[in-house]
């Protein structure tokens, strides 16, 4: 079974992510979430005293939508875009990009 990891994100950064989506509207936008492993652990639902390691999301690295044909509902990035995000993380001394976060301007909001 794969070990789960908790992701921590500040309210300030969550607001930056929302603002990036609002600024890009009505077009699709996307960004890389950059961060680092944390020394923190959080309780999980696997029983008493079960802990999950945490990772901190520290920065949104906005990515450019490379789609010309339908940027309102499609998004494309290049390998170079992803490498630039990973380079930005390394330059801060962070080890990873937590993932890519897309907007969905034509879809209802969903909590995941």
PDB file of N, CA and C in Angstrom:
ATOM      1  N   UNK A   1       0.837  -1.178   0.000  1.00  0.00           N
ATOM      2  CA  UNK A   1       0.000   0.000   0.000  1.00  0.00           C
ATOM      3  C   UNK A   1       0.884   1.245   0.000  1.00  0.00           C
ATOM      4  N   UNK A   2       0.544   2.189  -0.823  1.00  0.00           N
ATOM      5  CA  UNK A   2       1.299   3.416  -0.949  1.00  0.00           C
ATOM      6  C   UNK A   2       1.057   4.338   0.249  1.00  0.00           C
ATOM      7  N   UNK A   3       2.125   4.924   0.778  1.00  0.00           N
ATOM      8  CA  UNK A   3       1.984   5.825   1.911  1.00  0.00           C
ATOM      9  C   UNK A   3       1.398   7.157   1.450  1.00  0.00           C
ATOM     10  N   UNK A   4       0.447   7.662   2.207  1.00  0.00           N
ATOM     11  CA  UNK A   4      -0.168   8.944   1.891  1.00  0.00           C
ATOM     12  C   UNK A   4       0.678  10.066   2.455  1.00  0.00           C
ATOM     13  N   UNK A   5       0.605  11.210   1.802  1.00  0.00           N
ATOM     14  CA  UNK A   5       1.302  12.400   2.266  1.00  0.00           C
ATOM     15  C   UNK A   5       0.300  13.531   2.343  1.00  0.00           C
ATOM     16  N   UNK A   6       0.337  14.277   3.431  1.00  0.00           N
ATOM     17  CA  UNK A   6      -0.519  15.450   3.582  1.00  0.00           C
ATOM     18  C   UNK A   6       0.169  16.644   2.921  1.00  0.00           C
ATOM     19  N   UNK A   7      -0.601  17.477   2.254  1.00  0.00           N
ATOM     20  CA  UNK A   7      -0.069  18.705   1.663  1.00  0.00           C
ATOM     21  C   UNK A   7      -0.552  19.880   2.482  1.00  0.00           C
ATOM     22  N   UNK A   8       0.341  20.767   2.842  1.00  0.00           N
ATOM     23  CA  UNK A   8       0.006  21.981   3.580  1.00  0.00           C
ATOM     24  C   UNK A   8       0.149  23.153   2.639  1.00  0.00           C
ATOM     25  N   UNK A   9      -0.813  24.053   2.688  1.00  0.00           N
ATOM     26  CA  UNK A   9      -0.775  25.261   1.873  1.00  0.00           C
ATOM     27  C   UNK A   9      -1.337  26.410   2.707  1.00  0.00           C
ATOM     28  N   UNK A  10      -0.696  27.554   2.641  1.00  0.00           N
ATOM     29  CA  UNK A  10      -1.159  28.697   3.424  1.00  0.00           C
ATOM     30  C   UNK A  10      -2.391  29.322   2.774  1.00  0.00           C
ATOM     31  N   UNK A  11      -3.166  30.021   3.571  1.00  0.00           N
ATOM     32  CA  UNK A  11      -4.313  30.744   3.032  1.00  0.00           C
ATOM     33  C   UNK A  11      -3.883  31.801   2.031  1.00  0.00           C
ATOM     34  N   UNK A  12      -2.731  32.434   2.281  1.00  0.00           N
ATOM     35  CA  UNK A  12      -2.202  33.458   1.371  1.00  0.00           C
ATOM     36  C   UNK A  12      -1.901  32.854  -0.009  1.00  0.00           C
ATOM     37  N   UNK A  13      -1.259  31.693  -0.025  1.00  0.00           N
ATOM     38  CA  UNK A  13      -0.943  31.054  -1.304  1.00  0.00           C
ATOM     39  C   UNK A  13      -2.208  30.543  -1.989  1.00  0.00           C
ATOM     40  N   UNK A  14      -3.145  30.030  -1.224  1.00  0.00           N
ATOM     41  CA  UNK A  14      -4.420  29.592  -1.816  1.00  0.00           C
ATOM     42  C   UNK A  14      -5.104  30.774  -2.499  1.00  0.00           C
ATOM     43  N   UNK A  15      -5.030  31.947  -1.899  1.00  0.00           N
ATOM     44  CA  UNK A  15      -5.612  33.145  -2.505  1.00  0.00           C
ATOM     45  C   UNK A  15      -4.871  33.520  -3.787  1.00  0.00           C
ATOM     46  N   UNK A  16      -3.552  33.356  -3.812  1.00  0.00           N
ATOM     47  CA  UNK A  16      -2.779  33.629  -5.040  1.00  0.00           C
ATOM     48  C   UNK A  16      -3.217  32.691  -6.174  1.00  0.00           C
ATOM     49  N   UNK A  17      -3.483  31.447  -5.821  1.00  0.00           N
ATOM     50  CA  UNK A  17      -3.932  30.476  -6.823  1.00  0.00           C
ATOM     51  C   UNK A  17      -5.296  30.893  -7.372  1.00  0.00           C
ATOM     52  N   UNK A  18      -6.212  31.288  -6.480  1.00  0.00           N
ATOM     53  CA  UNK A  18      -7.530  31.753  -6.928  1.00  0.00           C
ATOM     54  C   UNK A  18      -7.393  32.996  -7.809  1.00  0.00           C
ATOM     55  N   UNK A  19      -6.505  33.918  -7.427  1.00  0.00           N
ATOM     56  CA  UNK A  19      -6.302  35.143  -8.204  1.00  0.00           C
ATOM     57  C   UNK A  19      -5.748  34.828  -9.594  1.00  0.00           C
ATOM     58  N   UNK A  20      -4.862  33.849  -9.678  1.00  0.00           N
ATOM     59  CA  UNK A  20      -4.318  33.444 -10.984  1.00  0.00           C
ATOM     60  C   UNK A  20      -5.443  32.958 -11.897  1.00  0.00           C
ATOM     61  N   UNK A  21      -6.353  32.188 -11.341  1.00  0.00           N
ATOM     62  CA  UNK A  21      -7.496  31.731 -12.123  1.00  0.00           C
ATOM     63  C   UNK A  21      -8.400  32.875 -12.537  1.00  0.00           C
ATOM     64  N   UNK A  22      -8.644  33.807 -11.623  1.00  0.00           N
ATOM     65  CA  UNK A  22      -9.514  34.949 -11.925  1.00  0.00           C
ATOM     66  C   UNK A  22      -8.896  35.843 -12.996  1.00  0.00           C
ATOM     67  N   UNK A  23      -7.584  36.063 -12.921  1.00  0.00           N
ATOM     68  CA  UNK A  23      -6.903  36.898 -13.914  1.00  0.00           C
ATOM     69  C   UNK A  23      -6.929  36.268 -15.300  1.00  0.00           C
ATOM     70  N   UNK A  24      -6.903  34.956 -15.350  1.00  0.00           N
ATOM     71  CA  UNK A  24      -6.874  34.243 -16.636  1.00  0.00           C
ATOM     72  C   UNK A  24      -8.255  34.057 -17.243  1.00  0.00           C
ATOM     73  N   UNK A  25      -9.285  34.190 -16.426  1.00  0.00           N
ATOM     74  CA  UNK A  25     -10.654  33.956 -16.890  1.00  0.00           C
ATOM     75  C   UNK A  25     -10.976  34.866 -18.069  1.00  0.00           C
ATOM     76  N   UNK A  26     -11.623  34.386 -19.124  1.00  0.00           N
ATOM     77  CA  UNK A  26     -12.334  33.103 -19.228  1.00  0.00           C
ATOM     78  C   UNK A  26     -11.474  31.963 -19.770  1.00  0.00           C
ATOM     79  N   UNK A  27     -10.165  32.176 -19.874  1.00  0.00           N
ATOM     80  CA  UNK A  27      -9.294  31.124 -20.386  1.00  0.00           C
ATOM     81  C   UNK A  27      -8.843  30.179 -19.279  1.00  0.00           C
ATOM     82  N   UNK A  28      -8.499  28.996 -19.700  1.00  0.00           N
ATOM     83  CA  UNK A  28      -7.934  27.984 -18.807  1.00  0.00           C
ATOM     84  C   UNK A  28      -6.563  28.467 -18.343  1.00  0.00           C
ATOM     85  N   UNK A  29      -6.232  28.224 -17.091  1.00  0.00           N
ATOM     86  CA  UNK A  29      -4.880  28.520 -16.617  1.00  0.00           C
ATOM     87  C   UNK A  29      -4.346  27.312 -15.865  1.00  0.00           C
ATOM     88  N   UNK A  30      -3.064  27.358 -15.596  1.00  0.00           N
ATOM     89  CA  UNK A  30      -2.418  26.217 -14.984  1.00  0.00           C
ATOM     90  C   UNK A  30      -1.173  26.700 -14.261  1.00  0.00           C
ATOM     91  N   UNK A  31      -0.757  25.973 -13.244  1.00  0.00           N
ATOM     92  CA  UNK A  31       0.466  26.320 -12.539  1.00  0.00           C
ATOM     93  C   UNK A  31       1.047  25.108 -11.854  1.00  0.00           C
ATOM     94  N   UNK A  32       2.355  25.172 -11.635  1.00  0.00           N
ATOM     95  CA  UNK A  32       3.043  24.124 -10.887  1.00  0.00           C
ATOM     96  C   UNK A  32       3.070  24.527  -9.423  1.00  0.00           C
ATOM     97  N   UNK A  33       2.810  23.588  -8.552  1.00  0.00           N
ATOM     98  CA  UNK A  33       2.881  23.825  -7.108  1.00  0.00           C
ATOM     99  C   UNK A  33       4.260  23.387  -6.638  1.00  0.00           C
ATOM    100  N   UNK A  34       5.033  24.336  -6.104  1.00  0.00           N
ATOM    101  CA  UNK A  34       6.402  24.054  -5.684  1.00  0.00           C
ATOM    102  C   UNK A  34       6.470  23.993  -4.166  1.00  0.00           C
ATOM    103  N   UNK A  35       7.320  23.122  -3.649  1.00  0.00           N
ATOM    104  CA  UNK A  35       7.419  23.026  -2.213  1.00  0.00           C
ATOM    105  C   UNK A  35       8.545  22.140  -1.748  1.00  0.00           C
ATOM    106  N   UNK A  36       8.423  21.721  -0.497  1.00  0.00           N
ATOM    107  CA  UNK A  36       9.470  20.912   0.123  1.00  0.00           C
ATOM    108  C   UNK A  36       8.841  19.956   1.130  1.00  0.00           C
ATOM    109  N   UNK A  37       9.623  18.955   1.476  1.00  0.00           N
ATOM    110  CA  UNK A  37       9.207  18.060   2.550  1.00  0.00           C
ATOM    111  C   UNK A  37       9.255  18.832   3.852  1.00  0.00           C
ATOM    112  N   UNK A  38       8.348  18.531   4.739  1.00  0.00           N
ATOM    113  CA  UNK A  38       8.265  19.197   6.031  1.00  0.00           C
ATOM    114  C   UNK A  38       8.629  18.204   7.126  1.00  0.00           C
ATOM    115  N   UNK A  39       9.090  18.724   8.233  1.00  0.00           N
ATOM    116  CA  UNK A  39       9.339  17.859   9.388  1.00  0.00           C
ATOM    117  C   UNK A  39       8.052  17.536  10.123  1.00  0.00           C
ATOM    118  N   UNK A  40       6.979  18.210   9.750  1.00  0.00           N
ATOM    119  CA  UNK A  40       5.699  18.026  10.431  1.00  0.00           C
ATOM    120  C   UNK A  40       5.044  16.712  10.012  1.00  0.00           C
ATOM    121  N   UNK A  41       4.230  16.196  10.891  1.00  0.00           N
ATOM    122  CA  UNK A  41       3.387  15.043  10.598  1.00  0.00           C
ATOM    123  C   UNK A  41       1.984  15.371  11.087  1.00  0.00           C
ATOM    124  N   UNK A  42       1.008  14.768  10.479  1.00  0.00           N
ATOM    125  CA  UNK A  42      -0.377  14.993  10.877  1.00  0.00           C
ATOM    126  C   UNK A  42      -1.037  13.647  11.147  1.00  0.00           C
ATOM    127  N   UNK A  43      -2.034  13.663  12.012  1.00  0.00           N
ATOM    128  CA  UNK A  43      -2.775  12.433  12.279  1.00  0.00           C
ATOM    129  C   UNK A  43      -3.582  12.062  11.051  1.00  0.00           C
ATOM    130  N   UNK A  44      -3.742  10.782  10.833  1.00  0.00           N
ATOM    131  CA  UNK A  44      -4.567  10.336   9.705  1.00  0.00           C
ATOM    132  C   UNK A  44      -5.683   9.439  10.217  1.00  0.00           C
ATOM    133  N   UNK A  45      -6.431   8.878   9.303  1.00  0.00           N
ATOM    134  CA  UNK A  45      -7.602   8.090   9.695  1.00  0.00           C
ATOM    135  C   UNK A  45      -7.313   6.601   9.836  1.00  0.00           C
ATOM    136  N   UNK A  46      -6.051   6.217   9.943  1.00  0.00           N
ATOM    137  CA  UNK A  46      -5.697   4.804  10.039  1.00  0.00           C
ATOM    138  C   UNK A  46      -5.619   4.291  11.467  1.00  0.00           C
ATOM    139  N   UNK A  47      -6.113   5.072  12.407  1.00  0.00           N
ATOM    140  CA  UNK A  47      -6.106   4.610  13.790  1.00  0.00           C
ATOM    141  C   UNK A  47      -5.378   5.567  14.701  1.00  0.00           C
ATOM    142  N   UNK A  48      -5.520   5.298  15.970  1.00  0.00           N
ATOM    143  CA  UNK A  48      -4.917   6.152  16.994  1.00  0.00           C
ATOM    144  C   UNK A  48      -3.402   6.227  16.803  1.00  0.00           C
ATOM    145  N   UNK A  49      -2.898   7.432  16.880  1.00  0.00           N
ATOM    146  CA  UNK A  49      -1.464   7.714  16.771  1.00  0.00           C
ATOM    147  C   UNK A  49      -0.878   7.396  15.391  1.00  0.00           C
ATOM    148  N   UNK A  50      -1.703   7.180  14.393  1.00  0.00           N
ATOM    149  CA  UNK A  50      -1.194   6.975  13.038  1.00  0.00           C
ATOM    150  C   UNK A  50      -0.873   8.350  12.443  1.00  0.00           C
ATOM    151  N   UNK A  51       0.331   8.498  11.938  1.00  0.00           N
ATOM    152  CA  UNK A  51       0.778   9.793  11.436  1.00  0.00           C
ATOM    153  C   UNK A  51       1.114   9.729   9.952  1.00  0.00           C
ATOM    154  N   UNK A  52       0.926  10.846   9.296  1.00  0.00           N
ATOM    155  CA  UNK A  52       1.220  10.983   7.876  1.00  0.00           C
ATOM    156  C   UNK A  52       2.249  12.100   7.708  1.00  0.00           C
ATOM    157  N   UNK A  53       3.322  11.864   6.957  1.00  0.00           N
ATOM    158  CA  UNK A  53       4.281  12.939   6.720  1.00  0.00           C
ATOM    159  C   UNK A  53       3.628  14.066   5.920  1.00  0.00           C
ATOM    160  N   UNK A  54       4.107  15.276   6.147  1.00  0.00           N
ATOM    161  CA  UNK A  54       3.520  16.435   5.475  1.00  0.00           C
ATOM    162  C   UNK A  54       4.519  17.065   4.518  1.00  0.00           C
ATOM    163  N   UNK A  55       3.988  17.679   3.482  1.00  0.00           N
ATOM    164  CA  UNK A  55       4.780  18.478   2.558  1.00  0.00           C
ATOM    165  C   UNK A  55       4.171  19.869   2.518  1.00  0.00           C
ATOM    166  N   UNK A  56       5.011  20.864   2.383  1.00  0.00           N
ATOM    167  CA  UNK A  56       4.552  22.246   2.320  1.00  0.00           C
ATOM    168  C   UNK A  56       4.563  22.735   0.879  1.00  0.00           C
ATOM    169  N   UNK A  57       3.452  23.302   0.433  1.00  0.00           N
ATOM    170  CA  UNK A  57       3.396  23.988  -0.855  1.00  0.00           C
ATOM    171  C   UNK A  57       3.757  25.434  -0.562  1.00  0.00           C
ATOM    172  N   UNK A  58       4.797  25.929  -1.211  1.00  0.00           N
ATOM    173  CA  UNK A  58       5.325  27.246  -0.884  1.00  0.00           C
ATOM    174  C   UNK A  58       5.173  28.280  -1.999  1.00  0.00           C
ATOM    175  N   UNK A  59       4.940  27.820  -3.212  1.00  0.00           N
ATOM    176  CA  UNK A  59       4.871  28.773  -4.324  1.00  0.00           C
ATOM    177  C   UNK A  59       4.053  28.211  -5.471  1.00  0.00           C
ATOM    178  N   UNK A  60       3.332  29.105  -6.119  1.00  0.00           N
ATOM    179  CA  UNK A  60       2.683  28.790  -7.388  1.00  0.00           C
ATOM    180  C   UNK A  60       3.604  29.289  -8.487  1.00  0.00           C
ATOM    181  N   UNK A  61       3.935  28.429  -9.418  1.00  0.00           N
ATOM    182  CA  UNK A  61       4.727  28.800 -10.581  1.00  0.00           C
ATOM    183  C   UNK A  61       3.764  28.793 -11.769  1.00  0.00           C
ATOM    184  N   UNK A  62       3.223  29.966 -12.162  1.00  0.00           N
ATOM    185  CA  UNK A  62       2.258  29.993 -13.265  1.00  0.00           C
ATOM    186  C   UNK A  62       2.870  29.457 -14.559  1.00  0.00           C
ATOM    187  N   UNK A  63       2.099  28.676 -15.261  1.00  0.00           N
ATOM    188  CA  UNK A  63       2.537  28.124 -16.544  1.00  0.00           C
ATOM    189  C   UNK A  63       1.762  28.790 -17.673  1.00  0.00           C
ATOM    190  N   UNK A  64       2.416  28.910 -18.807  1.00  0.00           N
ATOM    191  CA  UNK A  64       1.805  29.559 -19.966  1.00  0.00           C
ATOM    192  C   UNK A  64       0.974  28.535 -20.740  1.00  0.00           C
ATOM    193  N   UNK A  65      -0.234  28.934 -21.107  1.00  0.00           N
ATOM    194  CA  UNK A  65      -1.088  28.063 -21.921  1.00  0.00           C
ATOM    195  C   UNK A  65      -0.592  28.127 -23.355  1.00  0.00           C
ATOM    196  N   UNK A  66      -0.079  27.023 -23.848  1.00  0.00           N
ATOM    197  CA  UNK A  66       0.478  26.950 -25.206  1.00  0.00           C
ATOM    198  C   UNK A  66      -0.583  26.639 -26.265  1.00  0.00           C
ATOM    199  N   UNK A  67      -1.836  26.501 -25.866  1.00  0.00           N
ATOM    200  CA  UNK A  67      -2.901  26.212 -26.830  1.00  0.00           C
ATOM    201  C   UNK A  67      -3.410  27.500 -27.452  1.00  0.00           C
ATOM    202  N   UNK A  68      -3.383  27.587 -28.787  1.00  0.00           N
ATOM    203  CA  UNK A  68      -3.940  28.735 -29.495  1.00  0.00           C
ATOM    204  C   UNK A  68      -5.364  28.449 -29.955  1.00  0.00           C
ATOM    205  N   UNK A  69      -5.658  27.167 -30.188  1.00  0.00           N
ATOM    206  CA  UNK A  69      -6.919  26.818 -30.834  1.00  0.00           C
ATOM    207  C   UNK A  69      -8.136  26.917 -29.913  1.00  0.00           C
ATOM    208  N   UNK A  70      -8.008  26.621 -28.641  1.00  0.00           N
ATOM    209  CA  UNK A  70      -9.172  26.721 -27.753  1.00  0.00           C
ATOM    210  C   UNK A  70      -8.726  26.933 -26.308  1.00  0.00           C
ATOM    211  N   UNK A  71      -8.102  28.077 -26.003  1.00  0.00           N
ATOM    212  CA  UNK A  71      -7.578  28.308 -24.657  1.00  0.00           C
ATOM    213  C   UNK A  71      -8.663  28.441 -23.589  1.00  0.00           C
ATOM    214  N   UNK A  72      -9.924  28.564 -24.003  1.00  0.00           N
ATOM    215  CA  UNK A  72     -10.999  28.673 -23.014  1.00  0.00           C
ATOM    216  C   UNK A  72     -11.307  27.339 -22.343  1.00  0.00           C
ATOM    217  N   UNK A  73     -10.968  26.232 -23.022  1.00  0.00           N
ATOM    218  CA  UNK A  73     -11.280  24.938 -22.417  1.00  0.00           C
ATOM    219  C   UNK A  73     -10.181  23.886 -22.614  1.00  0.00           C
ATOM    220  N   UNK A  74      -9.010  24.303 -23.009  1.00  0.00           N
ATOM    221  CA  UNK A  74      -7.880  23.389 -23.183  1.00  0.00           C
ATOM    222  C   UNK A  74      -6.618  24.071 -22.680  1.00  0.00           C
ATOM    223  N   UNK A  75      -5.682  23.256 -22.196  1.00  0.00           N
ATOM    224  CA  UNK A  75      -4.422  23.795 -21.703  1.00  0.00           C
ATOM    225  C   UNK A  75      -3.317  22.842 -22.108  1.00  0.00           C
ATOM    226  N   UNK A  76      -2.205  23.389 -22.529  1.00  0.00           N
ATOM    227  CA  UNK A  76      -1.057  22.578 -22.900  1.00  0.00           C
ATOM    228  C   UNK A  76       0.209  23.259 -22.403  1.00  0.00           C
ATOM    229  N   UNK A  77       1.123  22.475 -21.853  1.00  0.00           N
ATOM    230  CA  UNK A  77       2.433  22.978 -21.460  1.00  0.00           C
ATOM    231  C   UNK A  77       3.487  22.144 -22.166  1.00  0.00           C
ATOM    232  N   UNK A  78       4.685  22.689 -22.252  1.00  0.00           N
ATOM    233  CA  UNK A  78       5.784  21.962 -22.883  1.00  0.00           C
ATOM    234  C   UNK A  78       6.664  21.340 -21.807  1.00  0.00           C
ATOM    235  N   UNK A  79       7.510  20.435 -22.231  1.00  0.00           N
ATOM    236  CA  UNK A  79       8.480  19.849 -21.305  1.00  0.00           C
ATOM    237  C   UNK A  79       9.381  20.945 -20.740  1.00  0.00           C
ATOM    238  N   UNK A  80       9.689  21.936 -21.555  1.00  0.00           N
ATOM    239  CA  UNK A  80      10.532  23.047 -21.102  1.00  0.00           C
ATOM    240  C   UNK A  80       9.845  23.844 -19.983  1.00  0.00           C
ATOM    241  N   UNK A  81       8.512  23.998 -20.088  1.00  0.00           N
ATOM    242  CA  UNK A  81       7.762  24.686 -19.029  1.00  0.00           C
ATOM    243  C   UNK A  81       7.891  23.953 -17.702  1.00  0.00           C
ATOM    244  N   UNK A  82       7.746  22.645 -17.746  1.00  0.00           N
ATOM    245  CA  UNK A  82       7.832  21.827 -16.532  1.00  0.00           C
ATOM    246  C   UNK A  82       9.254  21.863 -15.974  1.00  0.00           C
ATOM    247  N   UNK A  83      10.246  21.799 -16.857  1.00  0.00           N
ATOM    248  CA  UNK A  83      11.633  21.881 -16.404  1.00  0.00           C
ATOM    249  C   UNK A  83      11.932  23.228 -15.757  1.00  0.00           C
ATOM    250  N   UNK A  84      11.351  24.304 -16.287  1.00  0.00           N
ATOM    251  CA  UNK A  84      11.536  25.636 -15.697  1.00  0.00           C
ATOM    252  C   UNK A  84      10.954  25.684 -14.285  1.00  0.00           C
ATOM    253  N   UNK A  85       9.818  25.056 -14.077  1.00  0.00           N
ATOM    254  CA  UNK A  85       9.212  25.002 -12.744  1.00  0.00           C
ATOM    255  C   UNK A  85      10.103  24.218 -11.788  1.00  0.00           C
ATOM    256  N   UNK A  86      10.603  23.084 -12.236  1.00  0.00           N
ATOM    257  CA  UNK A  86      11.479  22.286 -11.383  1.00  0.00           C
ATOM    258  C   UNK A  86      12.781  23.022 -11.081  1.00  0.00           C
ATOM    259  N   UNK A  87      13.298  23.768 -12.051  1.00  0.00           N
ATOM    260  CA  UNK A  87      14.509  24.566 -11.829  1.00  0.00           C
ATOM    261  C   UNK A  87      14.244  25.645 -10.782  1.00  0.00           C
ATOM    262  N   UNK A  88      13.079  26.290 -10.854  1.00  0.00           N
ATOM    263  CA  UNK A  88      12.718  27.321  -9.876  1.00  0.00           C
ATOM    264  C   UNK A  88      12.660  26.721  -8.468  1.00  0.00           C
ATOM    265  N   UNK A  89      12.154  25.514  -8.350  1.00  0.00           N
ATOM    266  CA  UNK A  89      12.106  24.844  -7.039  1.00  0.00           C
ATOM    267  C   UNK A  89      13.526  24.576  -6.536  1.00  0.00           C
ATOM    268  N   UNK A  90      14.374  24.044  -7.390  1.00  0.00           N
ATOM    269  CA  UNK A  90      15.755  23.742  -6.989  1.00  0.00           C
ATOM    270  C   UNK A  90      16.513  25.010  -6.579  1.00  0.00           C
ATOM    271  N   UNK A  91      16.272  26.123  -7.293  1.00  0.00           N
ATOM    272  CA  UNK A  91      16.958  27.377  -6.975  1.00  0.00           C
ATOM    273  C   UNK A  91      16.607  27.878  -5.572  1.00  0.00           C
ATOM    274  N   UNK A  92      15.448  27.482  -5.066  1.00  0.00           N
ATOM    275  CA  UNK A  92      15.040  27.847  -3.710  1.00  0.00           C
ATOM    276  C   UNK A  92      15.518  26.828  -2.673  1.00  0.00           C
ATOM    277  N   UNK A  93      16.155  25.770  -3.148  1.00  0.00           N
ATOM    278  CA  UNK A  93      16.596  24.722  -2.242  1.00  0.00           C
ATOM    279  C   UNK A  93      15.512  23.701  -1.952  1.00  0.00           C
ATOM    280  N   UNK A  94      14.416  23.775  -2.702  1.00  0.00           N
ATOM    281  CA  UNK A  94      13.330  22.816  -2.541  1.00  0.00           C
ATOM    282  C   UNK A  94      13.592  21.643  -3.453  1.00  0.00           C
ATOM    283  N   UNK A  95      13.003  20.509  -3.131  1.00  0.00           N
ATOM    284  CA  UNK A  95      13.331  19.304  -3.880  1.00  0.00           C
ATOM    285  C   UNK A  95      12.317  18.902  -4.938  1.00  0.00           C
ATOM    286  N   UNK A  96      11.174  19.524  -4.976  1.00  0.00           N
ATOM    287  CA  UNK A  96      10.162  18.961  -5.868  1.00  0.00           C
ATOM    288  C   UNK A  96       9.073  19.938  -6.245  1.00  0.00           C
ATOM    289  N   UNK A  97       8.402  19.534  -7.271  1.00  0.00           N
ATOM    290  CA  UNK A  97       7.149  20.165  -7.680  1.00  0.00           C
ATOM    291  C   UNK A  97       6.055  19.196  -7.244  1.00  0.00           C
ATOM    292  N   UNK A  98       5.100  19.690  -6.482  1.00  0.00           N
ATOM    293  CA  UNK A  98       4.053  18.821  -5.938  1.00  0.00           C
ATOM    294  C   UNK A  98       3.067  18.390  -7.001  1.00  0.00           C
ATOM    295  N   UNK A  99       3.000  19.136  -8.069  1.00  0.00           N
ATOM    296  CA  UNK A  99       2.069  18.779  -9.123  1.00  0.00           C
ATOM    297  C   UNK A  99       1.624  19.995  -9.895  1.00  0.00           C
ATOM    298  N   UNK A 100       0.726  19.750 -10.790  1.00  0.00           N
ATOM    299  CA  UNK A 100       0.176  20.781 -11.661  1.00  0.00           C
ATOM    300  C   UNK A 100      -1.272  21.010 -11.246  1.00  0.00           C
ATOM    301  N   UNK A 101      -1.645  22.269 -11.113  1.00  0.00           N
ATOM    302  CA  UNK A 101      -3.018  22.598 -10.750  1.00  0.00           C
ATOM    303  C   UNK A 101      -3.669  23.364 -11.909  1.00  0.00           C
ATOM    304  N   UNK A 102      -4.723  22.808 -12.499  1.00  0.00           N
ATOM    305  CA  UNK A 102      -5.414  23.488 -13.599  1.00  0.00           C
ATOM    306  C   UNK A 102      -6.663  24.213 -13.108  1.00  0.00           C
ATOM    307  N   UNK A 103      -7.039  25.239 -13.838  1.00  0.00           N
ATOM    308  CA  UNK A 103      -8.352  25.850 -13.576  1.00  0.00           C
ATOM    309  C   UNK A 103      -9.363  25.145 -14.463  1.00  0.00           C
ATOM    310  N   UNK A 104     -10.582  25.292 -14.155  1.00  0.00           N
ATOM    311  CA  UNK A 104     -11.675  24.781 -14.989  1.00  0.00           C
ATOM    312  C   UNK A 104     -12.720  25.879 -15.070  1.00  0.00           C
ATOM    313  N   UNK A 105     -12.486  26.909 -15.910  1.00  0.00           N
ATOM    314  CA  UNK A 105     -13.360  28.082 -15.898  1.00  0.00           C
ATOM    315  C   UNK A 105     -14.797  27.809 -16.291  1.00  0.00           C
ATOM    316  N   UNK A 106     -15.056  26.724 -16.992  1.00  0.00           N
ATOM    317  CA  UNK A 106     -16.417  26.438 -17.416  1.00  0.00           C
ATOM    318  C   UNK A 106     -17.103  25.393 -16.560  1.00  0.00           C
ATOM    319  N   UNK A 107     -16.433  24.940 -15.510  1.00  0.00           N
ATOM    320  CA  UNK A 107     -16.975  23.877 -14.660  1.00  0.00           C
ATOM    321  C   UNK A 107     -17.276  24.434 -13.270  1.00  0.00           C
ATOM    322  N   UNK A 108     -18.231  23.841 -12.581  1.00  0.00           N
ATOM    323  CA  UNK A 108     -18.506  24.278 -11.208  1.00  0.00           C
ATOM    324  C   UNK A 108     -17.319  23.943 -10.305  1.00  0.00           C
ATOM    325  N   UNK A 109     -17.139  24.725  -9.261  1.00  0.00           N
ATOM    326  CA  UNK A 109     -16.044  24.498  -8.312  1.00  0.00           C
ATOM    327  C   UNK A 109     -16.230  23.159  -7.616  1.00  0.00           C
ATOM    328  N   UNK A 110     -15.115  22.485  -7.377  1.00  0.00           N
ATOM    329  CA  UNK A 110     -15.151  21.202  -6.672  1.00  0.00           C
ATOM    330  C   UNK A 110     -14.046  21.202  -5.636  1.00  0.00           C
ATOM    331  N   UNK A 111     -14.368  20.771  -4.454  1.00  0.00           N
ATOM    332  CA  UNK A 111     -13.354  20.611  -3.410  1.00  0.00           C
ATOM    333  C   UNK A 111     -12.791  19.218  -3.548  1.00  0.00           C
ATOM    334  N   UNK A 112     -11.465  19.128  -3.607  1.00  0.00           N
ATOM    335  CA  UNK A 112     -10.834  17.809  -3.726  1.00  0.00           C
ATOM    336  C   UNK A 112      -9.952  17.534  -2.543  1.00  0.00           C
TER     337      UNK A 112
END
